[in-house]
Amino acid sequence: MIIGQIWDFKERKIMKKILLALTLMLFSTSAFAGSCPMMSGKVKSKIEQAQKLHDAGVKAHSDGDHGKSDELLKKALDLFKS
């Protein structure tokens, strides 16, 4: 009878750990899901800034101002490094 009680105790302990792990996984994924729109907004903002710098850099290159073009295009690339 004692062996059965010990086994039952171990079984309950394992089940509690499994239940705790599943609960943590369920709630942590929903918490991280809320950050997607924020990250999406940051990416979109950087893409828009980089596009403006790119367009200005290409225009400067077409106008013959290669120094300014180089500077603008490097700034556009640096947006994605930070």
PDB file of N, CA and C in Angstrom:
ATOM      1  N   MET A   1       0.807  -1.190   0.000  1.00  0.00           N
ATOM      2  CA  MET A   1       0.000   0.000   0.000  1.00  0.00           C
ATOM      3  C   MET A   1       0.856   1.261   0.000  1.00  0.00           C
ATOM      4  N   ILE A   2       1.982   1.244   0.705  1.00  0.00           N
ATOM      5  CA  ILE A   2       2.862   2.410   0.769  1.00  0.00           C
ATOM      6  C   ILE A   2       3.454   2.686  -0.610  1.00  0.00           C
ATOM      7  N   ILE A   3       3.831   1.647  -1.322  1.00  0.00           N
ATOM      8  CA  ILE A   3       4.394   1.825  -2.663  1.00  0.00           C
ATOM      9  C   ILE A   3       3.375   2.501  -3.572  1.00  0.00           C
ATOM     10  N   GLY A   4       2.139   2.123  -3.475  1.00  0.00           N
ATOM     11  CA  GLY A   4       1.088   2.745  -4.269  1.00  0.00           C
ATOM     12  C   GLY A   4       0.924   4.218  -3.937  1.00  0.00           C
ATOM     13  N   GLN A   5       1.055   4.569  -2.677  1.00  0.00           N
ATOM     14  CA  GLN A   5       0.930   5.967  -2.278  1.00  0.00           C
ATOM     15  C   GLN A   5       2.110   6.795  -2.797  1.00  0.00           C
ATOM     16  N   ILE A   6       3.298   6.221  -2.754  1.00  0.00           N
ATOM     17  CA  ILE A   6       4.484   6.923  -3.256  1.00  0.00           C
ATOM     18  C   ILE A   6       4.351   7.137  -4.760  1.00  0.00           C
ATOM     19  N   TRP A   7       3.922   6.108  -5.467  1.00  0.00           N
ATOM     20  CA  TRP A   7       3.754   6.211  -6.915  1.00  0.00           C
ATOM     21  C   TRP A   7       2.699   7.269  -7.252  1.00  0.00           C
ATOM     22  N   ASP A   8       1.627   7.276  -6.512  1.00  0.00           N
ATOM     23  CA  ASP A   8       0.556   8.239  -6.732  1.00  0.00           C
ATOM     24  C   ASP A   8       1.073   9.663  -6.508  1.00  0.00           C
ATOM     25  N   PHE A   9       1.901   9.851  -5.499  1.00  0.00           N
ATOM     26  CA  PHE A   9       2.472  11.172  -5.212  1.00  0.00           C
ATOM     27  C   PHE A   9       3.375  11.625  -6.361  1.00  0.00           C
ATOM     28  N   LYS A  10       4.214  10.732  -6.866  1.00  0.00           N
ATOM     29  CA  LYS A  10       5.114  11.065  -7.971  1.00  0.00           C
ATOM     30  C   LYS A  10       4.314  11.388  -9.228  1.00  0.00           C
ATOM     31  N   GLU A  11       3.267  10.624  -9.439  1.00  0.00           N
ATOM     32  CA  GLU A  11       2.428  10.837 -10.614  1.00  0.00           C
ATOM     33  C   GLU A  11       1.751  12.212 -10.557  1.00  0.00           C
ATOM     34  N   ARG A  12       1.260  12.589  -9.410  1.00  0.00           N
ATOM     35  CA  ARG A  12       0.628  13.894  -9.248  1.00  0.00           C
ATOM     36  C   ARG A  12       1.641  15.020  -9.462  1.00  0.00           C
ATOM     37  N   LYS A  13       2.835  14.826  -8.958  1.00  0.00           N
ATOM     38  CA  LYS A  13       3.871  15.835  -9.093  1.00  0.00           C
ATOM     39  C   LYS A  13       4.225  16.040 -10.577  1.00  0.00           C
ATOM     40  N   ILE A  14       4.321  14.950 -11.307  1.00  0.00           N
ATOM     41  CA  ILE A  14       4.622  15.029 -12.744  1.00  0.00           C
ATOM     42  C   ILE A  14       3.492  15.730 -13.486  1.00  0.00           C
ATOM     43  N   MET A  15       2.262  15.377 -13.150  1.00  0.00           N
ATOM     44  CA  MET A  15       1.104  15.993 -13.802  1.00  0.00           C
ATOM     45  C   MET A  15       1.047  17.499 -13.507  1.00  0.00           C
ATOM     46  N   LYS A  16       1.387  17.904 -12.293  1.00  0.00           N
ATOM     47  CA  LYS A  16       1.397  19.323 -11.949  1.00  0.00           C
ATOM     48  C   LYS A  16       2.446  20.073 -12.776  1.00  0.00           C
ATOM     49  N   LYS A  17       3.607  19.442 -12.955  1.00  0.00           N
ATOM     50  CA  LYS A  17       4.658  20.069 -13.754  1.00  0.00           C
ATOM     51  C   LYS A  17       4.228  20.216 -15.207  1.00  0.00           C
ATOM     52  N   ILE A  18       3.592  19.186 -15.731  1.00  0.00           N
ATOM     53  CA  ILE A  18       3.127  19.236 -17.118  1.00  0.00           C
ATOM     54  C   ILE A  18       2.062  20.323 -17.282  1.00  0.00           C
ATOM     55  N   LEU A  19       1.129  20.361 -16.346  1.00  0.00           N
ATOM     56  CA  LEU A  19       0.071  21.366 -16.399  1.00  0.00           C
ATOM     57  C   LEU A  19       0.647  22.774 -16.290  1.00  0.00           C
ATOM     58  N   LEU A  20       1.606  22.975 -15.420  1.00  0.00           N
ATOM     59  CA  LEU A  20       2.248  24.277 -15.269  1.00  0.00           C
ATOM     60  C   LEU A  20       2.969  24.682 -16.559  1.00  0.00           C
ATOM     61  N   ALA A  21       3.692  23.749 -17.145  1.00  0.00           N
ATOM     62  CA  ALA A  21       4.427  24.038 -18.382  1.00  0.00           C
ATOM     63  C   ALA A  21       3.457  24.407 -19.511  1.00  0.00           C
ATOM     64  N   LEU A  22       2.372  23.661 -19.649  1.00  0.00           N
ATOM     65  CA  LEU A  22       1.391  23.959 -20.692  1.00  0.00           C
ATOM     66  C   LEU A  22       0.734  25.321 -20.476  1.00  0.00           C
ATOM     67  N   THR A  23       0.432  25.653 -19.230  1.00  0.00           N
ATOM     68  CA  THR A  23      -0.180  26.939 -18.915  1.00  0.00           C
ATOM     69  C   THR A  23       0.773  28.084 -19.249  1.00  0.00           C
ATOM     70  N   LEU A  24       2.036  27.929 -18.892  1.00  0.00           N
ATOM     71  CA  LEU A  24       3.024  28.972 -19.200  1.00  0.00           C
ATOM     72  C   LEU A  24       3.189  29.157 -20.703  1.00  0.00           C
ATOM     73  N   MET A  25       3.216  28.062 -21.440  1.00  0.00           N
ATOM     74  CA  MET A  25       3.348  28.161 -22.888  1.00  0.00           C
ATOM     75  C   MET A  25       2.132  28.866 -23.499  1.00  0.00           C
ATOM     76  N   LEU A  26       0.956  28.537 -23.024  1.00  0.00           N
ATOM     77  CA  LEU A  26      -0.263  29.132 -23.559  1.00  0.00           C
ATOM     78  C   LEU A  26      -0.283  30.638 -23.349  1.00  0.00           C
ATOM     79  N   PHE A  27       0.021  31.086 -22.141  1.00  0.00           N
ATOM     80  CA  PHE A  27      -0.061  32.513 -21.851  1.00  0.00           C
ATOM     81  C   PHE A  27       1.133  33.294 -22.377  1.00  0.00           C
ATOM     82  N   SER A  28       2.288  32.677 -22.482  1.00  0.00           N
ATOM     83  CA  SER A  28       3.445  33.417 -22.981  1.00  0.00           C
ATOM     84  C   SER A  28       3.319  33.674 -24.482  1.00  0.00           C
ATOM     85  N   THR A  29       2.735  32.757 -25.230  1.00  0.00           N
ATOM     86  CA  THR A  29       2.590  32.991 -26.669  1.00  0.00           C
ATOM     87  C   THR A  29       1.595  34.104 -26.935  1.00  0.00           C
ATOM     88  N   SER A  30       0.547  34.211 -26.146  1.00  0.00           N
ATOM     89  CA  SER A  30      -0.408  35.287 -26.363  1.00  0.00           C
ATOM     90  C   SER A  30       0.191  36.632 -25.960  1.00  0.00           C
ATOM     91  N   ALA A  31       1.091  36.645 -25.004  1.00  0.00           N
ATOM     92  CA  ALA A  31       1.749  37.889 -24.604  1.00  0.00           C
ATOM     93  C   ALA A  31       2.680  38.375 -25.704  1.00  0.00           C
ATOM     94  N   PHE A  32       3.414  37.462 -26.336  1.00  0.00           N
ATOM     95  CA  PHE A  32       4.313  37.851 -27.412  1.00  0.00           C
ATOM     96  C   PHE A  32       3.557  38.232 -28.670  1.00  0.00           C
ATOM     97  N   ALA A  33       2.363  37.709 -28.859  1.00  0.00           N
ATOM     98  CA  ALA A  33       1.583  38.019 -30.048  1.00  0.00           C
ATOM     99  C   ALA A  33       1.210  39.494 -30.089  1.00  0.00           C
ATOM    100  N   GLY A  34       1.114  40.147 -28.949  1.00  0.00           N
ATOM    101  CA  GLY A  34       0.775  41.559 -28.908  1.00  0.00           C
ATOM    102  C   GLY A  34       1.887  42.462 -29.405  1.00  0.00           C
ATOM    103  N   SER A  35       3.108  41.960 -29.481  1.00  0.00           N
ATOM    104  CA  SER A  35       4.221  42.794 -29.919  1.00  0.00           C
ATOM    105  C   SER A  35       4.374  42.808 -31.441  1.00  0.00           C
ATOM    106  N   CYS A  36       3.681  41.947 -32.154  1.00  0.00           N
ATOM    107  CA  CYS A  36       3.799  41.897 -33.620  1.00  0.00           C
ATOM    108  C   CYS A  36       3.422  43.223 -34.292  1.00  0.00           C
ATOM    109  N   PRO A  37       2.285  43.822 -33.946  1.00  0.00           N
ATOM    110  CA  PRO A  37       1.944  45.097 -34.593  1.00  0.00           C
ATOM    111  C   PRO A  37       2.965  46.195 -34.315  1.00  0.00           C
ATOM    112  N   MET A  38       3.550  46.195 -33.123  1.00  0.00           N
ATOM    113  CA  MET A  38       4.563  47.203 -32.809  1.00  0.00           C
ATOM    114  C   MET A  38       5.809  47.003 -33.662  1.00  0.00           C
ATOM    115  N   MET A  39       6.252  45.754 -33.781  1.00  0.00           N
ATOM    116  CA  MET A  39       7.434  45.484 -34.596  1.00  0.00           C
ATOM    117  C   MET A  39       7.154  45.789 -36.062  1.00  0.00           C
ATOM    118  N   SER A  40       5.962  45.467 -36.518  1.00  0.00           N
ATOM    119  CA  SER A  40       5.579  45.739 -37.898  1.00  0.00           C
ATOM    120  C   SER A  40       5.625  47.235 -38.182  1.00  0.00           C
ATOM    121  N   GLY A  41       5.151  48.029 -37.244  1.00  0.00           N
ATOM    122  CA  GLY A  41       5.183  49.487 -37.414  1.00  0.00           C
ATOM    123  C   GLY A  41       6.599  50.029 -37.485  1.00  0.00           C
ATOM    124  N   LYS A  42       7.483  49.479 -36.654  1.00  0.00           N
ATOM    125  CA  LYS A  42       8.884  49.919 -36.673  1.00  0.00           C
ATOM    126  C   LYS A  42       9.543  49.574 -38.002  1.00  0.00           C
ATOM    127  N   VAL A  43       9.273  48.373 -38.497  1.00  0.00           N
ATOM    128  CA  VAL A  43       9.855  47.943 -39.773  1.00  0.00           C
ATOM    129  C   VAL A  43       9.337  48.827 -40.904  1.00  0.00           C
ATOM    130  N   LYS A  44       8.038  49.073 -40.907  1.00  0.00           N
ATOM    131  CA  LYS A  44       7.444  49.900 -41.960  1.00  0.00           C
ATOM    132  C   LYS A  44       8.038  51.301 -41.946  1.00  0.00           C
ATOM    133  N   SER A  45       8.227  51.862 -40.755  1.00  0.00           N
ATOM    134  CA  SER A  45       8.803  53.196 -40.625  1.00  0.00           C
ATOM    135  C   SER A  45      10.226  53.236 -41.182  1.00  0.00           C
ATOM    136  N   LYS A  46      11.015  52.225 -40.843  1.00  0.00           N
ATOM    137  CA  LYS A  46      12.397  52.185 -41.341  1.00  0.00           C
ATOM    138  C   LYS A  46      12.432  52.008 -42.856  1.00  0.00           C
ATOM    139  N   ILE A  47      11.525  51.207 -43.378  1.00  0.00           N
ATOM    140  CA  ILE A  47      11.481  51.009 -44.832  1.00  0.00           C
ATOM    141  C   ILE A  47      11.127  52.316 -45.528  1.00  0.00           C
ATOM    142  N   GLU A  48      10.168  53.058 -44.978  1.00  0.00           N
ATOM    143  CA  GLU A  48       9.783  54.341 -45.581  1.00  0.00           C
ATOM    144  C   GLU A  48      10.944  55.332 -45.537  1.00  0.00           C
ATOM    145  N   GLN A  49      11.647  55.394 -44.405  1.00  0.00           N
ATOM    146  CA  GLN A  49      12.802  56.304 -44.295  1.00  0.00           C
ATOM    147  C   GLN A  49      13.892  55.900 -45.275  1.00  0.00           C
ATOM    148  N   ALA A  50      14.157  54.604 -45.368  1.00  0.00           N
ATOM    149  CA  ALA A  50      15.195  54.115 -46.273  1.00  0.00           C
ATOM    150  C   ALA A  50      14.810  54.381 -47.726  1.00  0.00           C
ATOM    151  N   GLN A  51      13.526  54.248 -48.040  1.00  0.00           N
ATOM    152  CA  GLN A  51      13.068  54.508 -49.411  1.00  0.00           C
ATOM    153  C   GLN A  51      13.277  55.974 -49.786  1.00  0.00           C
ATOM    154  N   LYS A  52      12.984  56.888 -48.845  1.00  0.00           N
ATOM    155  CA  LYS A  52      13.201  58.318 -49.106  1.00  0.00           C
ATOM    156  C   LYS A  52      14.683  58.616 -49.319  1.00  0.00           C
ATOM    157  N   LEU A  53      15.520  58.035 -48.450  1.00  0.00           N
ATOM    158  CA  LEU A  53      16.963  58.243 -48.603  1.00  0.00           C
ATOM    159  C   LEU A  53      17.469  57.636 -49.908  1.00  0.00           C
ATOM    160  N   HIS A  54      16.947  56.481 -50.258  1.00  0.00           N
ATOM    161  CA  HIS A  54      17.329  55.815 -51.514  1.00  0.00           C
ATOM    162  C   HIS A  54      16.971  56.690 -52.709  1.00  0.00           C
ATOM    163  N   ASP A  55      15.729  57.190 -52.717  1.00  0.00           N
ATOM    164  CA  ASP A  55      15.291  58.024 -53.835  1.00  0.00           C
ATOM    165  C   ASP A  55      16.137  59.288 -53.949  1.00  0.00           C
ATOM    166  N   ALA A  56      16.436  59.909 -52.801  1.00  0.00           N
ATOM    167  CA  ALA A  56      17.271  61.107 -52.807  1.00  0.00           C
ATOM    168  C   ALA A  56      18.690  60.770 -53.268  1.00  0.00           C
ATOM    169  N   GLY A  57      19.201  59.618 -52.864  1.00  0.00           N
ATOM    170  CA  GLY A  57      20.539  59.204 -53.282  1.00  0.00           C
ATOM    171  C   GLY A  57      20.623  58.926 -54.765  1.00  0.00           C
ATOM    172  N   VAL A  58      19.607  58.295 -55.313  1.00  0.00           N
ATOM    173  CA  VAL A  58      19.584  58.014 -56.758  1.00  0.00           C
ATOM    174  C   VAL A  58      19.480  59.320 -57.550  1.00  0.00           C
ATOM    175  N   LYS A  59      18.674  60.249 -57.039  1.00  0.00           N
ATOM    176  CA  LYS A  59      18.529  61.548 -57.711  1.00  0.00           C
ATOM    177  C   LYS A  59      19.858  62.299 -57.680  1.00  0.00           C
ATOM    178  N   ALA A  60      20.533  62.272 -56.518  1.00  0.00           N
ATOM    179  CA  ALA A  60      21.836  62.943 -56.417  1.00  0.00           C
ATOM    180  C   ALA A  60      22.838  62.311 -57.373  1.00  0.00           C
ATOM    181  N   HIS A  61      22.789  61.010 -57.518  1.00  0.00           N
ATOM    182  CA  HIS A  61      23.690  60.314 -58.453  1.00  0.00           C
ATOM    183  C   HIS A  61      23.381  60.741 -59.885  1.00  0.00           C
ATOM    184  N   SER A  62      22.106  60.804 -60.221  1.00  0.00           N
ATOM    185  CA  SER A  62      21.707  61.217 -61.575  1.00  0.00           C
ATOM    186  C   SER A  62      22.116  62.656 -61.861  1.00  0.00           C
ATOM    187  N   ASP A  63      22.098  63.492 -60.830  1.00  0.00           N
ATOM    188  CA  ASP A  63      22.493  64.899 -60.984  1.00  0.00           C
ATOM    189  C   ASP A  63      24.009  65.076 -60.986  1.00  0.00           C
ATOM    190  N   GLY A  64      24.750  63.996 -60.723  1.00  0.00           N
ATOM    191  CA  GLY A  64      26.204  64.058 -60.758  1.00  0.00           C
ATOM    192  C   GLY A  64      26.849  64.331 -59.414  1.00  0.00           C
ATOM    193  N   ASP A  65      26.087  64.423 -58.355  1.00  0.00           N
ATOM    194  CA  ASP A  65      26.636  64.679 -57.021  1.00  0.00           C
ATOM    195  C   ASP A  65      26.873  63.333 -56.321  1.00  0.00           C
ATOM    196  N   HIS A  66      27.969  62.699 -56.663  1.00  0.00           N
ATOM    197  CA  HIS A  66      28.236  61.336 -56.186  1.00  0.00           C
ATOM    198  C   HIS A  66      28.583  61.296 -54.700  1.00  0.00           C
ATOM    199  N   GLY A  67      29.163  62.341 -54.172  1.00  0.00           N
ATOM    200  CA  GLY A  67      29.475  62.385 -52.740  1.00  0.00           C
ATOM    201  C   GLY A  67      28.204  62.371 -51.902  1.00  0.00           C
ATOM    202  N   LYS A  68      27.255  63.198 -52.300  1.00  0.00           N
ATOM    203  CA  LYS A  68      25.988  63.257 -51.579  1.00  0.00           C
ATOM    204  C   LYS A  68      25.215  61.951 -51.751  1.00  0.00           C
ATOM    205  N   SER A  69      25.271  61.390 -52.954  1.00  0.00           N
ATOM    206  CA  SER A  69      24.600  60.119 -53.227  1.00  0.00           C
ATOM    207  C   SER A  69      25.147  59.021 -52.328  1.00  0.00           C
ATOM    208  N   ASP A  70      26.459  58.964 -52.228  1.00  0.00           N
ATOM    209  CA  ASP A  70      27.113  57.960 -51.392  1.00  0.00           C
ATOM    210  C   ASP A  70      26.694  58.119 -49.932  1.00  0.00           C
ATOM    211  N   GLU A  71      26.658  59.365 -49.453  1.00  0.00           N
ATOM    212  CA  GLU A  71      26.279  59.652 -48.065  1.00  0.00           C
ATOM    213  C   GLU A  71      24.828  59.229 -47.791  1.00  0.00           C
ATOM    214  N   LEU A  72      23.915  59.584 -48.685  1.00  0.00           N
ATOM    215  CA  LEU A  72      22.505  59.253 -48.497  1.00  0.00           C
ATOM    216  C   LEU A  72      22.252  57.742 -48.522  1.00  0.00           C
ATOM    217  N   LEU A  73      22.905  57.068 -49.449  1.00  0.00           N
ATOM    218  CA  LEU A  73      22.708  55.625 -49.554  1.00  0.00           C
ATOM    219  C   LEU A  73      23.300  54.881 -48.354  1.00  0.00           C
ATOM    220  N   LYS A  74      24.417  55.395 -47.813  1.00  0.00           N
ATOM    221  CA  LYS A  74      24.987  54.786 -46.604  1.00  0.00           C
ATOM    222  C   LYS A  74      24.054  54.975 -45.411  1.00  0.00           C
ATOM    223  N   LYS A  75      23.420  56.151 -45.325  1.00  0.00           N
ATOM    224  CA  LYS A  75      22.448  56.385 -44.249  1.00  0.00           C
ATOM    225  C   LYS A  75      21.278  55.415 -44.365  1.00  0.00           C
ATOM    226  N   ALA A  76      20.844  55.172 -45.588  1.00  0.00           N
ATOM    227  CA  ALA A  76      19.741  54.227 -45.791  1.00  0.00           C
ATOM    228  C   ALA A  76      20.124  52.832 -45.319  1.00  0.00           C
ATOM    229  N   LEU A  77      21.340  52.412 -45.623  1.00  0.00           N
ATOM    230  CA  LEU A  77      21.799  51.088 -45.173  1.00  0.00           C
ATOM    231  C   LEU A  77      21.953  51.029 -43.662  1.00  0.00           C
ATOM    232  N   ASP A  78      22.413  52.121 -43.074  1.00  0.00           N
ATOM    233  CA  ASP A  78      22.610  52.150 -41.614  1.00  0.00           C
ATOM    234  C   ASP A  78      21.304  52.021 -40.849  1.00  0.00           C
ATOM    235  N   LEU A  79      20.193  52.407 -41.451  1.00  0.00           N
ATOM    236  CA  LEU A  79      18.901  52.257 -40.778  1.00  0.00           C
ATOM    237  C   LEU A  79      18.610  50.788 -40.440  1.00  0.00           C
ATOM    238  N   PHE A  80      19.090  49.891 -41.281  1.00  0.00           N
ATOM    239  CA  PHE A  80      18.808  48.469 -41.069  1.00  0.00           C
ATOM    240  C   PHE A  80      19.843  47.789 -40.186  1.00  0.00           C
ATOM    241  N   LYS A  81      20.928  48.482 -39.885  1.00  0.00           N
ATOM    242  CA  LYS A  81      21.954  47.907 -39.007  1.00  0.00           C
ATOM    243  C   LYS A  81      21.621  48.156 -37.544  1.00  0.00           C
ATOM    244  N   SER A  82      20.843  49.176 -37.256  1.00  0.00           N
ATOM    245  CA  SER A  82      20.545  49.502 -35.861  1.00  0.00           C
ATOM    246  C   SER A  82      19.299  48.807 -35.373  1.00  0.00           C
TER     247      SER A  82
END
